Amino acid sequence: MIADDACLVWWAGVADYRAGHESLLSTVEIVRAARLHRAQDRVRQALGAVLLRLAVSAETGTPPAGVAV
């Protein structure tokens, strides 16, 4: 649990994305990322959704794939 007066920053770059991360994404998130023209932008979109799920999971104990976004 994050303390009331703390700020936790989750950071990842394009190189941090792994194929297994796709299993954490919803169909909507996959389609949204696929619409983007540049490969880097598709990865950034997907990675943002993955980080959101992982951060919420870490705080709530809910499995990442079970986090409703």
Protein backbone atom coordinates (compact mmCIF):
# COMPACT_ATOMS: atom_id res chain seq x y z
CA MET A 1 0.00 0.00 0.00
CA ILE A 2 1.27 3.46 -0.88
CA ALA A 3 1.56 5.86 2.06
CA ASP A 4 -0.74 8.89 2.00
CA ASP A 5 2.15 11.30 1.46
CA ALA A 6 3.97 9.19 -1.14
CA CYS A 7 4.07 9.20 -4.91
CA LEU A 8 4.89 6.01 -6.77
CA VAL A 9 5.90 6.34 -10.43
CA TRP A 10 5.75 3.35 -12.77
CA TRP A 11 7.99 3.81 -15.79
CA ALA A 12 8.65 1.67 -18.85
CA GLY A 13 10.09 2.23 -22.28
CA VAL A 14 9.30 0.58 -25.59
CA ALA A 15 12.16 -1.90 -25.05
CA ASP A 16 10.46 -3.16 -21.87
CA TYR A 17 7.44 -4.53 -23.73
CA ARG A 18 7.26 -8.34 -23.94
CA ALA A 19 4.99 -10.55 -26.03
CA GLY A 20 3.49 -12.00 -22.85
CA HIS A 21 2.11 -8.60 -21.94
CA GLU A 22 -0.60 -9.02 -24.59
CA SER A 23 -2.30 -11.58 -22.35
CA LEU A 24 -3.08 -8.74 -19.93
CA LEU A 25 -4.87 -6.63 -22.55
CA SER A 26 -8.54 -6.59 -23.41
CA THR A 27 -9.70 -6.91 -27.00
CA VAL A 28 -10.57 -3.21 -26.97
CA GLU A 29 -7.03 -2.29 -25.88
CA ILE A 30 -5.47 -4.51 -28.56
CA VAL A 31 -7.68 -2.98 -31.27
CA ARG A 32 -6.95 0.54 -30.01
CA ALA A 33 -3.20 -0.05 -30.21
CA ALA A 34 -3.48 -1.70 -33.64
CA ARG A 35 -5.07 1.47 -35.08
CA LEU A 36 -1.89 3.45 -34.54
CA HIS A 37 0.40 3.88 -37.54
CA ARG A 38 3.85 3.61 -36.00
CA ALA A 39 5.00 0.42 -34.29
CA GLN A 40 6.48 2.44 -31.41
CA ASP A 41 3.14 4.11 -30.79
CA ARG A 42 1.32 0.76 -30.81
CA VAL A 43 3.75 -0.55 -28.19
CA ARG A 44 3.45 2.60 -26.07
CA GLN A 45 -0.35 2.38 -26.10
CA ALA A 46 -0.30 -1.28 -25.08
CA LEU A 47 2.42 -0.76 -22.50
CA GLY A 48 0.46 2.05 -20.87
CA ALA A 49 -2.51 -0.26 -20.43
CA VAL A 50 -0.26 -3.02 -19.07
CA LEU A 51 1.38 -0.65 -16.56
CA LEU A 52 -2.02 0.56 -15.40
CA ARG A 53 -3.16 -3.01 -14.80
CA LEU A 54 0.08 -3.94 -13.01
CA ALA A 55 -0.03 -0.85 -10.78
CA VAL A 56 -3.66 -1.41 -9.78
CA SER A 57 -2.93 -5.09 -9.23
CA ALA A 58 -0.02 -4.28 -6.93
CA GLU A 59 -2.22 -2.05 -4.78
CA THR A 60 -5.40 -4.11 -4.71
CA GLY A 61 -4.21 -7.70 -4.99
CA THR A 62 -6.45 -8.25 -8.00
CA PRO A 63 -4.73 -10.26 -10.74
CA PRO A 64 -3.60 -7.87 -13.56
CA ALA A 65 -5.83 -9.51 -16.17
CA GLY A 66 -8.79 -9.07 -13.81
CA VAL A 67 -8.41 -5.30 -13.47
CA ALA A 68 -11.30 -3.63 -15.30
CA VAL A 69 -10.11 -0.63 -17.27
